[in-house]
Amino acid sequence: MGASDLIDDFYSFQPYELEAEKKEGLLLRELTELTKFHQEHCRAYADFLEMTGYDPAKVQALYQIPFFPVRLFKEYDLISIDRKSLFKTMTSSGTTGQKVSKIFLDKETAMAQQKVMIRILSDFWGKKRLPMLIIDTPDVLKDRAKFSARGAAIMGLSFVARESVYALREDMSLDLDKVRAFAEKYAGQRFIIFGFTFLVWQHFYQELCRTAQRFDFSQGFLMTGGGWKKLMGQAVSQAEFKRRIHEACGIRHFLDHYGMVEQTGAIYAECEYGHLHASIFSDVLIRNYRDFSLCPIGQKGIIQVVSALPRSYPGHSLLTEDEGVILGEDDCPCGRKGKYIQVLGRMAQAELRGCSDTYAEEHGRDPGRAVSSR
């Protein structure tokens, strides 16, 4: 069973086309098969299922698929393929001395993740390949066999870009000449600006302010992710972030997203109404803090994410360390079907893991005073 075999049925639909009942049926079938596959090919996961008393005959709904604590990827090498088939190993971000998750990919799984991310993002900025200004340094791609989450995100997005330009030098300083050349070359055209939130704020926005530089990026799509909690005690909400970025360079199109290295590709992208959407390839459930029962729409709890993509490792149903709330389903004003959510931040006592947040902590910022916009 290849990764492509698992999700072939999904490709006949647009990423946000299916309403709740149809989507759940499709996901339930795939996740049940994935659970069986990982049970047969990953001993640690099989032991976990035995410990939880898993009985596939009793699974009648998506919420009954066992959820695997995401923290266990930091403790164990969880892999469901022969190591000879290993194509790439990705790691989560972590501060010095902190354990990181290791995610093992074969080529099929990596290609499926890439294909799905492209399909999701194309729903927002169109199918045409666009030039991309990356608010990062190419150093994050030095070891292509072992990627951090930052490197994996950049590499994945590079496949949707017509041209990729890195805006930061090795020392993380902004190369204004490169930014100016990019702005002049693509003046009046659509393009992508990508960077993790804290990097965009610290190394792009603040540097533009310091140097009093102004560029016309009104046709650009700014894609960010993570790091809202770590804007350094400046009480910068998402709305304030957008306002200031718009004032600095005219950006009007913002595309934040929620995702994790343990489920690369199945991102939850932000629509024009500020809602994070689950595509047909994934879904979100909210669990009660005390007994892990399902929370209804509007009630906050622990985020559980499911995805049809992970085949080479048992990451298809994960209990995260994030808090969130489902805002609605199939009724967002943007017209996209599926659940749309708000991410409220890390749970108390959860390790600092987000890419932007990790960078902020390592560079001397106070991670405890920041204000989350979600």
Protein backbone atom coordinates (compact mmCIF):
# COMPACT_ATOMS: atom_id res chain seq x y z
CA MET A 1 0.00 0.00 0.00
CA GLY A 2 1.60 3.25 -1.11
CA ALA A 3 0.85 6.71 0.17
CA SER A 4 -0.51 7.64 -3.23
CA ASP A 5 -2.87 4.64 -3.11
CA LEU A 6 -4.32 5.89 0.15
CA ILE A 7 -5.32 9.35 -1.01
CA ASP A 8 -6.12 8.85 -4.69
CA ASP A 9 -9.84 9.24 -3.96
CA PHE A 10 -9.24 12.67 -2.41
CA TYR A 11 -7.64 14.10 -5.53
CA SER A 12 -10.92 14.01 -7.45
CA PHE A 13 -12.24 16.76 -5.13
CA GLN A 14 -11.23 20.34 -4.51
CA PRO A 15 -9.56 20.86 -1.10
CA TYR A 16 -12.62 22.49 0.49
CA GLU A 17 -15.41 20.97 -1.55
CA LEU A 18 -16.86 18.31 0.73
CA GLU A 19 -19.46 18.87 3.43
CA ALA A 20 -19.21 17.18 6.82
CA GLU A 21 -20.87 13.80 6.17
CA LYS A 22 -19.10 13.10 2.88
CA LYS A 23 -15.73 14.22 4.22
CA GLU A 24 -16.00 12.14 7.40
CA GLY A 25 -16.81 9.01 5.40
CA LEU A 26 -13.79 9.50 3.18
CA LEU A 27 -11.43 10.25 6.06
CA LEU A 28 -12.77 7.46 8.27
CA ARG A 29 -12.06 4.83 5.63
CA GLU A 30 -8.54 6.08 5.03
CA LEU A 31 -7.66 6.54 8.70
CA THR A 32 -8.95 3.08 9.58
CA GLU A 33 -6.69 1.62 6.90
CA LEU A 34 -3.76 3.71 8.09
CA THR A 35 -4.28 2.58 11.67
CA LYS A 36 -4.18 -1.04 10.54
CA PHE A 37 -1.09 -0.42 8.41
CA HIS A 38 0.87 1.22 11.21
CA GLN A 39 -0.26 -1.43 13.69
CA GLU A 40 1.25 -4.07 11.40
CA HIS A 41 4.47 -2.20 10.61
CA CYS A 42 5.39 -0.20 13.74
CA ARG A 43 5.89 -2.24 16.90
CA ALA A 44 5.74 0.75 19.26
CA TYR A 45 2.44 1.86 17.73
CA ALA A 46 1.03 -1.67 17.94
CA ASP A 47 1.94 -1.74 21.63
CA PHE A 48 0.18 1.60 22.09
CA LEU A 49 -3.00 0.29 20.45
CA GLU A 50 -2.93 -2.82 22.61
CA MET A 51 -2.51 -0.71 25.72
CA THR A 52 -5.53 1.42 24.79
CA GLY A 53 -7.67 -1.64 24.04
CA TYR A 54 -8.20 -0.66 20.41
CA ASP A 55 -10.84 -2.72 18.61
CA PRO A 56 -11.30 -1.76 14.93
CA ALA A 57 -14.71 -3.39 14.87
CA LYS A 58 -15.98 -0.72 17.25
CA VAL A 59 -14.82 2.23 15.16
CA GLN A 60 -17.88 3.82 13.56
CA ALA A 61 -16.85 7.48 13.56
CA LEU A 62 -13.73 9.60 13.13
CA TYR A 63 -13.49 10.50 16.81
CA GLN A 64 -13.09 6.79 17.68
CA ILE A 65 -9.77 6.50 15.84
CA PRO A 66 -7.12 6.32 18.61
CA PHE A 67 -5.19 9.55 19.09
CA PHE A 68 -1.43 9.27 19.61
CA PRO A 69 0.26 11.84 21.90
CA VAL A 70 2.51 13.99 19.71
CA ARG A 71 5.10 14.14 22.51
CA LEU A 72 5.96 10.47 21.93
CA PHE A 73 7.74 11.41 18.69
CA LYS A 74 10.36 13.02 20.94
CA GLU A 75 10.84 9.85 22.94
CA TYR A 76 10.84 7.13 20.29
CA ASP A 77 11.87 6.50 16.69
CA LEU A 78 8.44 5.78 15.23
CA ILE A 79 8.73 4.36 11.74
CA SER A 80 6.49 2.09 9.65
CA ILE A 81 8.78 1.44 6.68
CA ASP A 82 11.98 -0.44 6.07
CA ARG A 83 14.85 1.93 6.83
CA LYS A 84 16.24 1.13 3.38
CA SER A 85 13.28 3.09 2.00
CA LEU A 86 14.06 6.14 4.12
CA PHE A 87 14.10 9.25 1.95
CA LYS A 88 14.21 12.11 4.45
CA THR A 89 14.16 12.73 8.19
CA MET A 90 12.49 15.89 9.47
CA THR A 91 12.89 17.32 12.96
CA SER A 92 10.75 19.67 14.98
CA SER A 93 12.20 22.85 16.38
CA GLY A 94 13.63 22.76 19.88
CA THR A 95 15.74 24.94 22.10
CA THR A 96 19.19 23.78 23.17
CA GLY A 97 19.00 20.61 25.25
CA GLN A 98 15.36 20.00 24.36
CA LYS A 99 14.36 16.78 22.66
CA VAL A 100 13.00 17.10 19.14
CA SER A 101 10.57 14.99 17.16
CA LYS A 102 12.02 12.91 14.37
CA ILE A 103 9.72 12.18 11.44
CA PHE A 104 10.80 9.50 8.98
CA LEU A 105 9.62 9.83 5.38
CA ASP A 106 9.81 7.57 2.38
CA LYS A 107 9.62 9.15 -1.04
CA GLU A 108 5.91 8.40 -1.51
CA THR A 109 4.90 10.09 1.73
CA ALA A 110 7.12 13.11 1.07
CA MET A 111 5.67 13.54 -2.42
CA ALA A 112 2.10 13.21 -1.11
CA GLN A 113 2.77 15.90 1.50
CA GLN A 114 4.17 18.22 -1.13
CA LYS A 115 1.31 17.61 -3.55
CA VAL A 116 -1.36 18.25 -0.93
CA MET A 117 0.24 21.44 0.33
CA ILE A 118 0.37 22.76 -3.23
CA ARG A 119 -3.30 21.92 -3.77
CA ILE A 120 -4.31 23.64 -0.54
CA LEU A 121 -2.34 26.82 -1.19
CA SER A 122 -3.45 27.00 -4.82
CA ASP A 123 -7.00 27.39 -3.54
CA PHE A 124 -5.92 30.71 -2.00
CA TRP A 125 -3.53 32.28 -4.51
CA GLY A 126 -4.33 30.38 -7.70
CA LYS A 127 -2.64 27.61 -9.63
CA LYS A 128 -0.09 29.80 -11.38
CA ARG A 129 3.47 29.46 -10.06
CA LEU A 130 4.47 32.72 -8.41
CA PRO A 131 7.83 34.23 -7.46
CA MET A 132 8.59 33.97 -3.73
CA LEU A 133 10.57 36.20 -1.38
CA ILE A 134 11.67 34.08 1.60
CA ILE A 135 12.25 35.88 4.90
CA ASP A 136 14.96 33.48 5.96
CA THR A 137 18.49 32.41 5.11
CA PRO A 138 19.36 29.56 2.72
CA ASP A 139 21.46 28.07 5.54
CA VAL A 140 18.38 26.27 6.85
CA LEU A 141 18.57 23.96 3.82
CA LYS A 142 22.18 22.89 4.26
CA ASP A 143 21.42 19.31 5.27
CA ARG A 144 18.77 18.15 2.83
CA ALA A 145 18.61 14.67 4.32
CA LYS A 146 17.63 16.03 7.75
CA PHE A 147 15.32 19.04 7.75
CA SER A 148 14.08 21.25 10.53
CA ALA A 149 10.46 22.36 10.28
CA ARG A 150 11.65 25.70 8.91
CA GLY A 151 13.67 24.02 6.19
CA ALA A 152 10.89 21.59 5.34
CA ALA A 153 8.37 24.42 4.95
CA ILE A 154 10.71 26.40 2.70
CA MET A 155 11.54 23.39 0.56
CA GLY A 156 7.87 22.49 0.19
CA LEU A 157 6.88 26.00 -0.84
CA SER A 158 9.79 26.23 -3.27
CA PHE A 159 7.97 23.74 -5.47
CA VAL A 160 5.09 26.18 -5.96
CA ALA A 161 7.40 29.11 -6.66
CA ARG A 162 8.62 30.25 -10.06
CA GLU A 163 11.65 31.80 -8.43
CA SER A 164 12.87 31.81 -4.81
CA VAL A 165 14.85 34.73 -3.36
CA TYR A 166 16.19 34.67 0.20
CA ALA A 167 15.89 38.05 1.90
CA LEU A 168 18.20 37.32 4.84
CA ARG A 169 21.96 36.86 4.90
CA GLU A 170 23.70 34.15 6.91
CA ASP A 171 23.83 36.45 9.95
CA MET A 172 20.03 36.99 9.65
CA SER A 173 20.43 40.62 8.53
CA LEU A 174 18.07 41.88 5.85
CA ASP A 175 19.61 42.20 2.39
CA LEU A 176 17.85 45.36 1.27
CA ASP A 177 19.42 45.23 -2.17
CA LYS A 178 17.84 41.81 -2.81
CA VAL A 179 14.48 42.97 -1.48
CA ARG A 180 14.61 46.10 -3.63
CA ALA A 181 15.54 44.12 -6.75
CA PHE A 182 12.68 41.67 -6.09
CA ALA A 183 10.20 44.52 -5.61
CA GLU A 184 11.27 46.23 -8.83
CA LYS A 185 11.28 43.02 -10.87
CA TYR A 186 7.76 42.01 -9.84
CA ALA A 187 6.14 45.43 -9.46
CA GLY A 188 2.42 45.17 -10.18
CA GLN A 189 2.52 41.34 -10.26
CA ARG A 190 1.33 38.74 -7.78
CA PHE A 191 3.98 37.07 -5.65
CA ILE A 192 4.50 35.25 -2.34
CA ILE A 193 6.36 36.39 0.74
CA PHE A 194 7.00 33.55 3.17
CA GLY A 195 8.50 33.51 6.64
CA PHE A 196 7.81 32.32 10.14
CA THR A 197 6.01 35.05 12.04
CA PHE A 198 8.77 36.09 14.41
CA LEU A 199 11.33 36.21 11.59
CA VAL A 200 9.06 38.44 9.53
CA TRP A 201 8.53 40.75 12.48
CA GLN A 202 12.08 40.92 13.78
CA HIS A 203 14.17 40.75 10.63
CA PHE A 204 11.88 42.20 7.97
CA TYR A 205 9.34 44.61 9.43
CA GLN A 206 11.54 46.10 12.14
CA GLU A 207 14.44 46.48 9.75
CA LEU A 208 12.22 48.29 7.25
CA CYS A 209 11.20 50.63 10.05
CA ARG A 210 14.77 51.17 11.21
CA THR A 211 16.02 52.03 7.72
CA ALA A 212 12.84 53.91 6.70
CA GLN A 213 12.65 51.75 3.57
CA ARG A 214 9.33 51.48 1.76
CA PHE A 215 8.35 48.94 -0.90
CA ASP A 216 5.11 48.42 -2.80
CA PHE A 217 4.16 44.84 -1.91
CA SER A 218 0.43 45.41 -2.33
CA GLN A 219 0.14 42.48 -4.77
CA GLY A 220 1.96 40.08 -2.46
CA PHE A 221 0.58 37.23 -0.36
CA LEU A 222 2.32 37.12 3.02
CA MET A 223 2.31 33.56 4.32
CA THR A 224 3.29 33.16 7.95
CA GLY A 225 2.99 30.49 10.61
CA GLY A 226 3.60 30.12 14.33
CA GLY A 227 5.22 32.51 16.74
CA TRP A 228 2.26 34.68 17.71
CA LYS A 229 2.97 34.11 21.39
CA LYS A 230 6.56 35.22 21.09
CA LEU A 231 6.33 38.74 19.80
CA MET A 232 8.41 39.65 22.82
CA GLY A 233 5.96 41.15 25.21
CA GLN A 234 5.07 43.88 22.72
CA ALA A 235 1.38 42.99 22.94
CA VAL A 236 1.29 42.57 19.17
CA SER A 237 -1.96 40.89 18.24
CA GLN A 238 -2.56 39.37 14.84
CA ALA A 239 -4.63 42.40 13.86
CA GLU A 240 -1.85 44.75 14.96
CA PHE A 241 0.73 42.68 13.10
CA LYS A 242 -1.28 42.94 9.90
CA ARG A 243 -1.87 46.66 10.34
CA ARG A 244 1.78 47.45 10.83
CA ILE A 245 2.96 45.24 7.97
CA HIS A 246 0.40 46.88 5.69
CA GLU A 247 1.63 50.33 6.68
CA ALA A 248 5.25 49.34 6.08
CA CYS A 249 4.92 47.81 2.63
CA GLY A 250 1.28 47.77 1.52
CA ILE A 251 0.58 44.05 1.94
CA ARG A 252 -3.15 43.32 1.93
CA HIS A 253 -3.23 39.54 1.47
CA PHE A 254 -2.31 37.63 4.65
CA LEU A 255 -2.19 33.84 4.83
CA ASP A 256 -1.32 32.56 8.28
CA HIS A 257 -1.40 28.81 8.81
CA TYR A 258 -1.36 26.17 11.53
CA GLY A 259 0.64 23.02 11.03
CA MET A 260 3.33 20.81 12.51
CA VAL A 261 6.24 18.75 11.30
CA GLU A 262 4.44 15.61 12.50
CA GLN A 263 1.75 16.22 9.86
CA THR A 264 3.58 18.15 7.17
CA GLY A 265 1.49 19.05 4.14
CA ALA A 266 -1.88 18.96 5.89
CA ILE A 267 -1.82 22.62 6.87
CA TYR A 268 -4.73 24.68 8.16
CA ALA A 269 -4.64 27.86 6.09
CA GLU A 270 -6.20 31.23 6.89
CA CYS A 271 -9.02 32.56 4.73
CA GLU A 272 -9.85 36.21 4.14
CA TYR A 273 -12.06 36.17 7.26
CA GLY A 274 -9.16 35.13 9.50
CA HIS A 275 -10.35 31.54 9.96
CA LEU A 276 -8.01 28.54 9.81
CA HIS A 277 -9.56 25.86 7.58
CA ALA A 278 -9.29 22.07 7.58
CA SER A 279 -9.08 20.71 4.05
CA ILE A 280 -10.49 17.36 2.94
CA PHE A 281 -7.10 15.79 3.64
CA SER A 282 -7.28 16.48 7.38
CA ASP A 283 -9.58 17.36 10.23
CA VAL A 284 -9.58 18.78 13.75
CA LEU A 285 -11.28 17.51 16.88
CA ILE A 286 -11.24 19.32 20.23
CA ARG A 287 -10.83 17.19 23.36
CA ASN A 288 -11.89 17.99 26.91
CA TYR A 289 -8.97 18.63 29.27
CA ARG A 290 -10.23 16.24 31.94
CA ASP A 291 -11.53 13.15 30.18
CA PHE A 292 -10.64 13.67 26.48
CA SER A 293 -14.30 13.61 25.48
CA LEU A 294 -15.27 15.62 22.41
CA CYS A 295 -15.92 19.32 22.85
CA PRO A 296 -18.79 20.91 20.92
CA ILE A 297 -18.35 23.81 18.53
CA GLY A 298 -17.37 26.92 20.46
CA GLN A 299 -15.83 25.15 23.47
CA LYS A 300 -12.06 25.28 23.86
CA GLY A 301 -9.94 22.24 24.58
CA ILE A 302 -6.94 20.23 23.40
CA ILE A 303 -6.46 20.06 19.64
CA GLN A 304 -6.45 16.65 17.99
CA VAL A 305 -5.45 16.58 14.33
CA VAL A 306 -5.99 13.78 11.83
CA SER A 307 -4.48 13.47 8.37
CA ALA A 308 -4.69 11.02 5.50
CA LEU A 309 -1.05 11.62 4.54
CA PRO A 310 1.32 9.91 7.03
CA ARG A 311 2.17 6.43 5.84
CA SER A 312 5.84 6.07 6.69
CA TYR A 313 5.22 6.87 10.37
CA PRO A 314 2.13 6.66 12.65
CA GLY A 315 1.22 10.34 12.58
CA HIS A 316 -2.28 10.13 11.15
CA SER A 317 -4.13 10.86 14.43
CA LEU A 318 -2.32 13.02 16.97
CA LEU A 319 -3.18 14.69 20.24
CA THR A 320 -1.24 17.95 20.18
CA GLU A 321 -0.09 20.17 23.04
CA ASP A 322 -2.09 23.11 21.68
CA GLU A 323 -5.37 24.60 22.77
CA GLY A 324 -8.04 25.61 20.30
CA VAL A 325 -11.70 25.89 19.46
CA ILE A 326 -13.82 24.93 16.46
CA LEU A 327 -15.61 28.07 15.31
CA GLY A 328 -17.92 26.39 12.81
CA GLU A 329 -18.29 23.83 10.05
CA ASP A 330 -19.39 24.18 6.42
CA ASP A 331 -20.61 27.75 7.00
CA CYS A 332 -17.62 30.09 6.78
CA PRO A 333 -18.47 33.29 4.84
CA CYS A 334 -15.52 32.56 2.52
CA GLY A 335 -17.48 29.64 1.07
CA ARG A 336 -14.98 26.90 1.90
CA LYS A 337 -16.50 23.75 3.39
CA GLY A 338 -15.14 21.92 6.40
CA LYS A 339 -14.30 22.97 9.95
CA TYR A 340 -12.66 26.28 10.67
CA ILE A 341 -10.80 26.85 13.89
CA GLN A 342 -8.97 29.23 16.16
CA VAL A 343 -5.68 28.18 17.76
CA LEU A 344 -5.35 29.65 21.25
CA GLY A 345 -1.75 28.70 21.92
CA ARG A 346 0.31 26.17 23.81
CA MET A 347 -1.12 24.33 26.79
CA ALA A 348 0.32 25.19 30.18
CA GLN A 349 3.53 23.23 30.86
CA ALA A 350 3.83 22.16 27.22
CA GLU A 351 7.32 22.50 25.81
CA LEU A 352 8.07 25.48 23.61
CA ARG A 353 8.13 24.01 20.14
CA GLY A 354 6.97 26.42 17.45
CA CYS A 355 9.63 27.42 14.94
CA SER A 356 9.30 31.15 15.48
CA ASP A 357 8.92 30.72 19.22
CA THR A 358 12.05 28.61 19.47
CA TYR A 359 14.05 31.17 17.51
CA ALA A 360 12.78 33.95 19.77
CA GLU A 361 13.74 32.09 22.93
CA GLU A 362 17.21 31.24 21.68
CA HIS A 363 17.85 34.86 20.80
CA GLY A 364 17.24 36.25 24.25
CA ARG A 365 13.58 37.27 24.08
CA ASP A 366 11.27 36.74 27.03
CA PRO A 367 8.84 34.00 25.98
CA GLY A 368 6.61 34.49 28.99
CA ARG A 369 5.29 38.00 28.40
CA ALA A 370 3.98 37.72 24.87
CA VAL A 371 0.33 38.03 23.95
CA SER A 372 -1.30 35.46 21.68
CA SER A 373 -3.77 36.65 19.09
CA ARG A 374 -5.37 33.25 18.72
